Protein backbone atom coordinates (compact mmCIF):
# COMPACT_ATOMS: atom_id res chain seq x y z
CA MET A 1 -20.40 -10.70 23.15
CA PRO A 2 -17.49 -13.04 24.10
CA GLU A 3 -19.01 -15.74 21.91
CA GLN A 4 -19.10 -13.27 19.03
CA HIS A 5 -15.51 -12.26 19.71
CA GLN A 6 -14.38 -15.90 19.75
CA GLY A 7 -16.25 -16.53 16.50
CA GLU A 8 -14.49 -13.59 14.86
CA ASN A 9 -11.13 -14.93 16.08
CA SER A 10 -11.84 -18.39 14.67
CA ASN A 11 -12.82 -16.90 11.32
CA PHE A 12 -9.63 -14.83 11.34
CA ASP A 13 -7.50 -17.86 12.21
CA SER A 14 -9.08 -20.00 9.49
CA ALA A 15 -8.55 -17.23 6.96
CA MET A 16 -4.91 -16.91 7.94
CA ASP A 17 -4.40 -20.69 7.82
CA SER A 18 -5.41 -20.63 4.18
CA VAL A 19 -2.58 -18.23 3.31
CA ASN A 20 0.07 -19.46 5.75
CA GLY A 21 1.47 -22.14 3.47
CA ARG A 22 4.95 -23.53 3.99
CA PRO A 23 7.63 -21.17 2.70
CA ALA A 24 9.14 -22.12 -0.64
CA GLY A 25 12.63 -23.54 -0.82
CA ALA A 26 15.71 -21.62 -1.82
CA PHE A 27 15.12 -22.26 -5.53
CA GLY A 28 11.33 -22.16 -5.43
CA GLY A 29 10.76 -18.74 -3.95
CA LEU A 30 11.63 -15.24 -5.06
CA SER A 31 15.39 -15.94 -5.06
CA GLY A 32 14.95 -19.01 -7.26
CA LYS A 33 12.78 -17.09 -9.70
CA LEU A 34 15.37 -14.33 -9.73
CA LEU A 35 18.10 -16.88 -10.53
CA TRP A 36 16.30 -18.36 -13.53
CA LEU A 37 15.16 -14.96 -14.80
CA THR A 38 18.74 -13.68 -14.62
CA VAL A 39 19.96 -16.67 -16.66
CA LEU A 40 17.16 -16.12 -19.17
CA PHE A 41 17.83 -12.40 -19.56
CA ILE A 42 21.57 -12.88 -19.96
CA MET A 43 20.95 -15.54 -22.61
CA LEU A 44 18.58 -13.19 -24.43
CA ALA A 45 21.25 -10.48 -24.32
CA GLU A 46 23.80 -12.97 -25.68
CA VAL A 47 21.45 -13.86 -28.52
CA LEU A 48 21.20 -10.19 -29.46
CA VAL A 49 24.99 -9.90 -29.37
CA PHE A 50 25.52 -13.22 -31.20
CA PHE A 51 24.41 -12.06 -34.67
CA PRO A 52 26.86 -9.13 -34.94
CA SER A 53 29.54 -11.32 -33.35
CA ILE A 54 29.16 -14.25 -35.78
CA ALA A 55 29.02 -11.82 -38.72
CA THR A 56 32.28 -10.20 -37.58
CA MET A 57 33.86 -13.63 -37.13
CA ARG A 58 32.85 -14.60 -40.69
CA ILE A 59 34.34 -11.41 -42.19
CA ARG A 60 37.58 -11.93 -40.23
CA TRP A 61 37.80 -15.53 -41.42
CA LEU A 62 37.34 -14.53 -45.06
CA GLU A 63 39.84 -11.67 -44.71
CA ASP A 64 42.41 -14.12 -43.32
CA LYS A 65 41.89 -16.38 -46.35
CA LEU A 66 42.25 -13.40 -48.71
CA ASN A 67 45.42 -12.18 -46.96
CA THR A 68 46.99 -15.63 -47.22
CA ALA A 69 46.01 -15.87 -50.88
CA ALA A 70 47.26 -12.32 -51.51
CA ALA A 71 50.67 -13.15 -50.06
CA ALA A 72 50.95 -16.17 -52.34
CA ALA A 73 49.67 -14.16 -55.33
CA ILE A 74 52.32 -11.46 -54.91
CA VAL A 75 55.07 -14.10 -54.82
CA ILE A 76 53.69 -15.86 -57.90
CA ASP A 77 53.24 -12.57 -59.72
CA GLY A 78 56.88 -11.74 -59.09
CA LEU A 79 57.99 -14.84 -61.00
CA GLN A 80 56.72 -13.49 -64.36
CA PRO A 81 57.09 -14.51 -67.14
CA VAL A 82 57.85 -17.90 -65.59
CA GLU A 83 54.67 -19.98 -65.16
CA LEU A 84 54.27 -21.74 -61.86
CA PRO A 85 54.45 -25.53 -62.22
CA ARG A 86 51.22 -27.45 -61.88
CA ALA A 87 52.32 -29.33 -58.80
CA LEU A 88 53.34 -26.11 -57.08
CA GLN A 89 49.97 -24.54 -57.93
CA LYS A 90 48.19 -27.41 -56.23
CA GLU A 91 50.35 -27.05 -53.14
CA THR A 92 49.68 -23.30 -53.06
CA LEU A 93 45.91 -23.81 -53.39
CA ALA A 94 45.94 -26.49 -50.68
CA ALA A 95 47.92 -24.21 -48.37
CA THR A 96 45.50 -21.32 -48.86
CA GLY A 97 42.40 -23.52 -48.81
CA THR A 98 41.16 -22.22 -52.16
CA LYS A 99 40.38 -23.64 -55.59
CA ALA A 100 41.61 -20.67 -57.65
CA ILE A 101 43.50 -17.43 -57.05
CA VAL A 102 43.10 -14.41 -59.31
CA LEU A 103 45.15 -11.20 -58.96
CA ARG A 104 43.68 -7.94 -60.19
CA LYS A 105 46.20 -5.20 -60.92
CA GLU A 106 46.03 -2.08 -63.07
CA GLY A 107 42.67 -3.04 -64.57
CA THR A 108 43.76 -6.52 -65.58
CA SER A 109 43.08 -9.91 -63.99
CA ARG A 110 45.58 -12.75 -63.94
CA LEU A 111 44.79 -16.34 -62.98
CA LEU A 112 47.73 -17.35 -60.85
CA ALA A 113 46.71 -20.79 -59.67
CA MET A 114 43.78 -23.09 -60.26
CA SER A 115 42.79 -26.65 -59.61
CA SER A 116 39.70 -27.98 -61.33
CA MET A 117 37.45 -25.15 -62.48
CA PRO A 118 33.91 -25.51 -61.04
CA THR A 119 31.01 -25.44 -63.42
CA SER A 120 29.24 -22.66 -61.50
CA VAL A 121 29.68 -20.29 -58.57
CA ASP A 122 26.82 -20.31 -56.02
CA GLU A 123 27.54 -17.04 -54.16
CA GLN A 124 29.79 -14.00 -54.61
CA TYR A 125 30.99 -11.68 -51.83
CA ASP A 126 32.85 -8.40 -52.26
CA LEU A 127 34.38 -7.46 -48.90
CA THR A 128 34.80 -3.86 -50.02
CA LYS A 129 31.04 -3.42 -50.21
CA THR A 130 29.86 -5.15 -47.04
CA THR A 131 27.63 -3.41 -44.47
CA PRO A 132 26.74 -4.53 -40.91
CA ILE A 133 23.24 -5.53 -41.99
CA SER A 134 24.36 -7.40 -45.10
CA SER A 135 27.17 -9.15 -43.22
CA MET A 136 24.69 -10.42 -40.57
CA GLY A 137 22.37 -11.61 -43.34
CA ASP A 138 25.22 -13.40 -45.11
CA ALA A 139 26.33 -15.03 -41.84
CA LEU A 140 22.82 -16.27 -41.11
CA ASP A 141 22.53 -17.57 -44.68
CA THR A 142 25.81 -19.48 -44.32
CA LEU A 143 24.73 -21.05 -41.00
CA LEU A 144 21.31 -22.12 -42.23
CA PHE A 145 21.81 -22.97 -45.90
CA GLY A 146 25.59 -23.16 -46.52
CA GLY A 147 28.00 -26.07 -46.48
CA ASN A 148 28.03 -27.51 -50.02
CA ARG A 149 28.37 -24.34 -52.08
CA ILE A 150 31.22 -22.78 -54.07
CA ILE A 151 31.72 -19.12 -53.29
CA ARG A 152 33.78 -16.35 -54.86
CA VAL A 153 35.33 -13.80 -52.50
CA TYR A 154 37.05 -10.55 -53.52
CA GLY A 155 39.04 -8.14 -51.37
CA PRO A 156 41.85 -5.56 -51.56
CA VAL A 157 45.51 -6.35 -50.96
CA GLY A 158 46.54 -4.18 -48.06
CA GLU A 159 46.75 -0.45 -48.90
CA THR A 160 47.65 -1.06 -52.58
CA ASN A 161 45.49 -0.74 -55.66
CA MET A 162 45.66 -4.48 -56.19
CA GLY A 163 42.90 -6.91 -55.34
CA VAL A 164 42.72 -10.64 -54.94
CA GLU A 165 39.87 -12.96 -55.80
CA VAL A 166 39.56 -16.57 -54.69
CA LEU A 167 37.23 -19.47 -55.34
CA MET A 168 36.68 -21.75 -52.39
CA LYS A 169 34.34 -24.26 -50.79
CA GLU A 170 31.96 -22.86 -48.16
CA LYS A 171 32.11 -25.92 -45.90
CA PRO A 172 35.29 -24.91 -43.99
CA LEU A 173 33.75 -21.49 -43.33
CA ARG A 174 30.50 -22.97 -42.05
CA THR A 175 32.39 -25.45 -39.88
CA ALA A 176 34.42 -22.64 -38.31
CA MET A 177 31.24 -20.63 -37.73
CA LEU A 178 29.53 -23.60 -36.04
CA VAL A 179 32.51 -24.10 -33.73
CA TYR A 180 32.47 -20.39 -32.89
CA ALA A 181 28.70 -20.50 -32.20
CA ARG A 182 29.17 -23.51 -29.92
CA ASN A 183 31.92 -21.76 -28.00
CA VAL A 184 29.83 -18.60 -27.66
CA LEU A 185 26.88 -20.66 -26.40
CA LEU A 186 28.96 -22.44 -23.76
CA LEU A 187 30.60 -19.20 -22.68
CA SER A 188 27.22 -17.46 -22.46
CA VAL A 189 25.81 -20.23 -20.31
CA LEU A 190 28.81 -20.08 -17.99
CA ILE A 191 28.65 -16.28 -17.73
CA SER A 192 24.90 -16.28 -17.10
CA LEU A 193 25.14 -18.99 -14.44
CA PHE A 194 28.06 -17.27 -12.73
CA THR A 195 26.34 -13.86 -12.79
CA ALA A 196 22.99 -15.28 -11.70
CA THR A 197 24.64 -17.18 -8.85
CA LEU A 198 26.30 -14.02 -7.57
CA ILE A 199 23.04 -12.10 -7.87
CA PHE A 200 21.22 -14.97 -6.19
CA PHE A 201 23.42 -14.96 -3.10
CA VAL A 202 23.54 -11.16 -2.86
CA ILE A 203 19.79 -10.66 -3.31
CA ASN A 204 19.05 -13.62 -1.05
CA ARG A 205 21.08 -12.01 1.72
CA ILE A 206 20.00 -8.38 1.42
CA LEU A 207 16.41 -8.87 0.24
CA ILE A 208 14.98 -12.38 0.52
CA ARG A 209 16.11 -13.09 4.08
CA PRO A 210 14.61 -9.85 5.47
CA ILE A 211 11.38 -10.56 3.58
CA ARG A 212 11.27 -14.07 5.05
CA ARG A 213 11.76 -12.56 8.51
CA LEU A 214 8.83 -10.23 7.88
CA THR A 215 6.56 -13.00 6.60
CA GLY A 216 7.62 -15.32 9.44
CA SER A 217 6.78 -12.64 11.99
CA MET A 218 3.40 -12.09 10.34
CA GLN A 219 2.63 -15.81 10.50
CA GLN A 220 3.65 -16.09 14.16
CA PHE A 221 1.75 -12.95 15.07
CA SER A 222 -1.41 -14.11 13.26
CA ALA A 223 -1.26 -17.43 15.14
CA ASP A 224 -1.08 -15.71 18.54
CA PRO A 225 -1.54 -11.93 18.20
CA GLU A 226 -1.72 -11.36 21.96
CA ASN A 227 1.78 -12.73 22.61
CA PRO A 228 4.26 -9.81 22.98
CA GLN A 229 7.14 -12.09 21.94
CA HIS A 230 5.67 -12.38 18.45
CA VAL A 231 6.09 -8.67 17.75
CA PHE A 232 8.63 -8.13 14.97
CA VAL A 233 12.02 -6.76 16.06
CA GLY A 234 13.90 -4.98 13.25
CA ASP A 235 17.63 -4.53 12.78
CA GLY A 236 17.57 -0.74 12.82
CA GLY A 237 18.64 -0.25 9.19
CA ARG A 238 17.72 2.65 6.95
CA ASP A 239 16.65 0.87 3.75
CA GLU A 240 13.09 0.29 2.58
CA LEU A 241 12.80 -3.13 4.23
CA ALA A 242 14.00 -1.74 7.56
CA VAL A 243 11.39 1.02 7.32
CA ALA A 244 8.74 -1.60 6.49
CA GLY A 245 9.87 -3.62 9.51
CA ARG A 246 9.48 -0.65 11.82
CA HIS A 247 6.01 0.03 10.45
CA LEU A 248 5.14 -3.64 10.95
CA THR A 249 6.31 -3.44 14.57
CA ALA A 250 4.21 -0.33 15.18
CA MET A 251 1.19 -1.92 13.51
CA GLN A 252 1.50 -5.14 15.54
CA MET A 253 1.84 -3.21 18.81
CA GLU A 254 -1.17 -1.06 17.93
CA LEU A 255 -3.15 -4.16 16.99
CA GLN A 256 -2.29 -5.76 20.33
CA LYS A 257 -3.63 -2.67 22.10
CA THR A 258 -6.79 -2.80 20.02
CA LEU A 259 -7.30 -6.50 20.71
CA LYS A 260 -6.82 -5.87 24.42
CA GLN A 261 -9.37 -3.06 24.30
CA GLN A 262 -11.80 -5.23 22.35
CA LYS A 263 -11.37 -7.99 24.91
CA ASN A 264 -11.98 -5.56 27.75
CA LEU A 265 -14.99 -4.17 25.91
CA ALA A 266 -16.42 -7.65 25.46
CA ALA A 267 -15.96 -8.39 29.15
CA LEU A 268 -17.50 -5.03 30.01
CA GLY A 269 -20.48 -5.73 27.78
CA LEU A 270 -21.04 -9.07 29.48
CA ALA A 271 -20.87 -7.47 32.92
CA VAL A 272 -23.18 -4.62 31.93
CA SER A 273 -25.70 -7.02 30.43
CA LYS A 274 -25.88 -8.88 33.77
CA ILE A 275 -26.17 -5.69 35.78
CA ASN A 276 -28.69 -4.17 33.38
CA HIS A 277 -31.40 -6.73 34.16
CA ASP A 278 -31.34 -6.11 37.91
CA MET A 279 -30.94 -2.34 37.48
CA ARG A 280 -34.09 -2.12 35.38
CA ASN A 281 -36.06 -3.90 38.10
CA ILE A 282 -34.71 -1.51 40.76
CA LEU A 283 -35.53 1.54 38.64
CA ALA A 284 -38.99 0.20 37.91
CA SER A 285 -39.64 -0.08 41.67
CA ALA A 286 -38.29 3.44 42.20
CA GLN A 287 -40.53 4.68 39.41
CA LEU A 288 -43.61 3.20 41.08
CA MET A 289 -42.72 4.76 44.44
CA SER A 290 -41.97 8.12 42.79
CA ASP A 291 -45.42 8.17 41.22
CA ARG A 292 -46.90 8.33 44.75
CA LEU A 293 -44.96 11.51 45.50
CA VAL A 294 -47.32 13.41 43.24
CA ASP A 295 -50.13 12.80 45.71
CA VAL A 296 -48.14 14.20 48.65
CA ASP A 297 -49.56 17.59 49.63
CA ASP A 298 -46.21 19.37 50.09
CA PRO A 299 -45.17 22.32 47.89
CA MET A 300 -41.49 21.31 48.00
CA VAL A 301 -42.27 17.72 47.05
CA LYS A 302 -44.61 18.83 44.27
CA SER A 303 -41.88 21.03 42.78
CA PHE A 304 -39.25 18.27 42.74
CA ALA A 305 -41.49 15.31 41.92
CA PRO A 306 -41.82 15.97 38.14
CA LYS A 307 -38.05 16.39 37.78
CA LEU A 308 -37.46 13.22 39.76
CA LEU A 309 -39.91 11.31 37.59
CA ARG A 310 -38.26 12.56 34.38
CA THR A 311 -34.84 11.59 35.72
CA ILE A 312 -36.00 8.07 36.57
CA ASP A 313 -37.68 7.76 33.16
CA ARG A 314 -34.40 8.70 31.48
CA ALA A 315 -32.54 6.17 33.62
CA VAL A 316 -34.97 3.46 32.54
CA GLY A 317 -34.46 4.47 28.91
CA TYR A 318 -30.67 4.42 29.30
CA THR A 319 -30.71 0.92 30.77
CA THR A 320 -32.78 -0.24 27.80
CA GLU A 321 -30.29 1.18 25.29
CA VAL A 322 -27.08 0.82 27.31
CA LEU A 323 -25.73 -2.04 25.15
CA SER A 324 -26.27 -0.26 21.86
CA PHE A 325 -22.74 1.15 21.77
CA GLY A 326 -21.02 -2.24 21.55
CA GLN A 327 -23.59 -3.98 19.35
CA ALA A 328 -25.23 -1.54 16.98
CA SER A 329 -25.73 2.13 16.33
CA GLU A 330 -28.00 4.35 18.35
CA SER A 331 -31.69 4.30 17.54
CA ALA A 332 -32.84 6.71 14.84
CA PRO A 333 -33.68 10.18 16.18
CA ARG A 334 -37.38 10.91 16.76
CA ARG A 335 -37.14 14.53 15.75
CA ARG A 336 -39.51 17.30 16.70
CA ARG A 337 -39.36 20.97 17.59
CA VAL A 338 -37.84 21.37 21.06
CA ARG A 339 -37.18 24.53 23.05
CA LEU A 340 -33.45 24.46 23.65
CA TYR A 341 -33.59 26.76 26.70
CA ASP A 342 -35.86 24.36 28.60
CA LEU A 343 -33.60 21.45 27.65
CA THR A 344 -30.59 23.33 28.99
CA GLN A 345 -32.41 23.97 32.26
CA GLU A 346 -32.98 20.24 32.64
CA VAL A 347 -29.26 19.64 32.05
CA ARG A 348 -28.50 22.19 34.77
CA ASP A 349 -30.84 20.46 37.22
CA MET A 350 -29.40 17.06 36.30
CA LEU A 351 -25.86 18.22 37.03
CA ALA A 352 -26.85 19.23 40.57
CA ILE A 353 -23.87 21.57 40.92
CA ASP A 354 -22.78 21.97 44.53
CA PRO A 355 -23.20 25.65 45.53
CA HIS A 356 -19.98 25.45 47.55
CA SER A 357 -17.94 24.28 44.54
CA GLY A 358 -17.83 27.78 43.07
CA VAL A 359 -18.84 26.53 39.62
CA GLU A 360 -21.28 28.76 37.73
CA PHE A 361 -23.66 27.59 35.02
CA ALA A 362 -24.81 30.16 32.45
CA GLU A 363 -27.23 29.99 29.51
CA GLN A 364 -26.73 32.48 26.69
CA MET A 365 -29.50 31.94 24.18
CA PRO A 366 -32.88 33.35 23.27
CA PRO A 367 -35.60 31.75 25.42
CA ASP A 368 -37.70 30.95 22.35
CA ILE A 369 -35.00 29.30 20.21
CA GLU A 370 -36.07 25.89 18.97
CA ILE A 371 -34.12 22.97 17.57
CA ASP A 372 -35.40 20.23 15.26
CA ALA A 373 -34.02 17.17 17.05
CA ASP A 374 -34.67 14.22 19.34
CA SER A 375 -34.97 15.84 22.78
CA GLU A 376 -33.59 12.85 24.68
CA GLN A 377 -30.57 12.44 22.42
CA ILE A 378 -29.69 16.15 22.37
CA PHE A 379 -30.11 16.17 26.16
CA ARG A 380 -27.54 13.36 26.38
CA VAL A 381 -25.12 15.25 24.11
CA ILE A 382 -25.27 18.50 26.09
CA HIS A 383 -25.29 16.67 29.42
CA ASN A 384 -22.15 14.64 28.51
CA LEU A 385 -20.25 17.79 27.50
CA CYS A 386 -21.39 19.76 30.58
CA ARG A 387 -20.62 16.86 32.89
CA ASN A 388 -17.08 16.63 31.48
CA ALA A 389 -16.69 20.37 31.98
CA LEU A 390 -17.93 20.11 35.58
CA GLN A 391 -15.47 17.30 36.31
CA ALA A 392 -12.64 19.38 34.83
CA LEU A 393 -13.58 22.41 36.97
CA THR A 394 -14.07 20.52 40.23
CA GLY A 395 -11.00 20.92 42.39
CA GLU A 396 -9.22 23.08 39.78
CA THR A 397 -8.38 26.77 39.81
CA ALA A 398 -9.61 28.71 36.81
CA SER A 399 -7.17 30.89 34.92
CA ASP A 400 -9.25 34.04 35.44
CA GLY A 401 -10.48 33.04 38.91
CA VAL A 402 -13.99 32.19 37.66
CA LYS A 403 -15.24 28.65 37.24
CA ARG A 404 -17.99 28.81 34.66
CA ILE A 405 -19.81 26.51 32.27
CA THR A 406 -21.54 28.39 29.47
CA VAL A 407 -24.07 26.93 27.06
CA SER A 408 -24.90 29.29 24.21
CA ALA A 409 -26.93 28.82 21.05
CA GLN A 410 -28.05 30.71 17.99
CA ARG A 411 -29.91 29.95 14.79
CA VAL A 412 -28.49 30.82 11.38
CA GLY A 413 -30.98 29.93 8.70
CA SER A 414 -31.88 26.27 9.07
CA VAL A 415 -28.93 25.41 11.33
CA VAL A 416 -28.78 25.71 15.12
CA SER A 417 -25.29 26.17 16.56
CA ILE A 418 -24.73 25.14 20.19
CA ILE A 419 -21.51 26.00 22.05
CA VAL A 420 -20.51 24.40 25.34
CA ASP A 421 -17.63 26.35 26.89
CA ASP A 422 -15.79 26.16 30.20
CA THR A 423 -12.93 28.00 31.91
CA GLY A 424 -11.14 24.85 33.04
CA PRO A 425 -7.54 23.77 32.44
CA GLY A 426 -8.26 22.61 28.90
CA MET A 427 -7.97 19.23 27.23
CA PRO A 428 -4.66 17.32 27.41
CA VAL A 429 -2.65 16.69 24.25
CA LYS A 430 -3.27 12.93 24.36
CA ALA A 431 -7.02 13.46 24.60
CA ARG A 432 -6.89 15.88 21.64
CA GLN A 433 -5.01 13.33 19.52
CA ASN A 434 -7.59 10.61 20.28
CA LEU A 435 -10.67 12.83 20.33
CA PHE A 436 -13.96 10.90 20.05
CA ALA A 437 -12.07 7.57 20.31
CA ALA A 438 -13.50 5.18 22.91
CA PHE A 439 -11.13 4.18 25.74
CA ARG A 440 -8.41 6.52 24.38
CA GLY A 441 -9.93 10.00 24.26
CA SER A 442 -10.52 10.48 27.98
CA ALA A 443 -9.38 13.82 29.41
CA ARG A 444 -9.03 12.53 32.97
CA SER A 445 -7.38 9.57 34.63
CA GLY A 446 -9.65 6.55 34.86
CA GLY A 447 -12.08 7.83 32.23
CA THR A 448 -13.25 5.81 29.24
CA GLY A 449 -13.87 8.53 26.67
CA LEU A 450 -17.28 7.03 25.90
CA GLY A 451 -19.10 10.30 26.64
CA LEU A 452 -17.58 12.12 23.67
CA THR A 453 -17.89 9.02 21.48
CA ILE A 454 -21.61 8.70 22.20
CA ALA A 455 -22.13 12.46 21.77
CA ARG A 456 -20.49 12.38 18.34
CA GLU A 457 -22.58 9.38 17.27
CA LEU A 458 -25.82 11.10 18.31
CA VAL A 459 -24.89 14.36 16.55
CA LEU A 460 -23.97 12.52 13.35
CA ALA A 461 -27.32 10.71 13.48
CA HIS A 462 -28.96 14.14 13.23
CA GLY A 463 -26.85 15.01 10.20
CA GLY A 464 -24.85 17.51 12.25
CA THR A 465 -21.26 18.08 13.30
CA ILE A 466 -19.39 18.35 16.59
CA ALA A 467 -15.87 19.73 16.88
CA LEU A 468 -13.36 20.97 19.42
CA VAL A 469 -12.81 24.70 18.93
CA GLU A 470 -9.43 26.32 19.50
CA LYS A 471 -9.76 29.32 21.83
CA PRO A 472 -7.21 31.96 22.86
CA THR A 473 -7.95 31.56 26.55
CA ALA A 474 -7.76 28.51 28.78
CA GLY A 475 -10.59 26.02 28.83
CA THR A 476 -12.42 23.70 26.47
CA GLN A 477 -15.02 24.66 23.89
CA PHE A 478 -17.17 22.37 21.73
CA ARG A 479 -19.36 23.53 18.86
CA ILE A 480 -22.39 21.49 17.78
CA GLU A 481 -24.29 22.29 14.59
CA ILE A 482 -27.66 20.61 13.98
CA PRO A 483 -29.49 21.31 10.70
CA ASP A 484 -33.26 21.17 10.41
CA ARG A 485 -34.86 18.35 8.51
CA PRO A 486 -35.57 19.17 4.87
CA VAL A 487 -39.28 19.76 4.32
CA SER A 488 -40.87 17.78 1.52
CA LEU A 489 -43.17 19.49 -0.96
CA GLU A 490 -46.22 17.57 0.27
CA ASP A 491 -45.60 18.55 3.92
CA TYR A 492 -45.15 22.18 2.91
CA ARG A 493 -48.41 22.21 0.94
CA SER A 494 -50.37 20.51 3.72
CA ARG A 495 -48.95 22.93 6.29
CA THR A 496 -49.78 25.93 4.08
CA GLN A 497 -53.34 24.72 3.58
CA ALA A 498 -53.76 24.14 7.32
CA GLU A 499 -52.61 27.71 8.05
CA LYS A 500 -55.10 29.08 5.54
């Protein structure tokens, strides 16, 4: 068993070595991924904001050009009927950045200034009819395909009924838009890096560092789980990571207890295996000597000899199967019809209750009740429960002044219900919480709890149940329910034919 335990530890260590890689650096772990994802998401958000922003910038730029041209147009219009000199027209067009200025007033259009008239106009834009969608489409068209086109732009003059129309090159507009896009890109990068850096340091402090502490504790604990210094010590916070840390501490402490129990169990199995060999030889010698008691012509000896022989036979059987608890399950039940009353009498004789102890043993069942079970295994179940009850009653004072162990049974259909009850002090709270758990469910100091564990395993092998029953009075009560084996159709037909 120790060799098996060491093999399991080596397999566990090798499995943990495969996952205990070196922790990633500051920019290669979760915090680094968070940094780059933050930059990416902010840039994506800026891209979504960029299109409305560049469209608004384009409209504002065109409106500024129209306002400048409108101011010049009003001045020129006020000089009527004097025509503006050609040189002054060129200076006005150069100052407004246009090639022609047209003023629309009272349903008429007047060409106020013009340089060389272009042969064709590539695009026309009426700022009074723009929509957010169309302005974004026009801005994208200017960025991608503009630069060498002549455009015509029309817009109102303030709150008046007049309007101004200009012809201009698109290149200055596209240049201004490219500069604006560059500035937005640089600003977006700076904002995203600044925001991501702040998030990086904040998340790294409140999230990544505690996670690294948790993973570091797990790695140290997996390397040497029996070292108490490797148990995680939390900071006592109230957030989710602090709660996870407390659960990790509890789990590591519980695992240390389990490993200690497993180690003790392995050492116990080794010791029992050494003792078992010599014990079987001693019992075999006792069995041979007990066989000779049958030939002794003494009524007292003849009455006790069969019981002594059965007891020694059971002891030999127990030594053969004593290691089954730590290595494998109990052997499959060899079921047959057994009179439960006779089995209970054997349990009573096996207990050998001292008459001066004041403990009574009572059977409350029909003498002819039968149970479909393995007689030896059911004997062990009832004997373990009755022995625990006897140990609880020995040296204790019963609540009603009567120390009694009662074994009752009844059959309901195909199920036999067995109740083992006592008037002792009852089971402690710790034993109730760890009921049927080996080395933890003992009701007395120094016990191992193996009796209840073995009893439960044997009952489950029969397809039955065993449970602790709450009772209004003091004491402990267990209920065992064993169902009969289902009868196959062929067995039923053969049995029916045999009866006929």
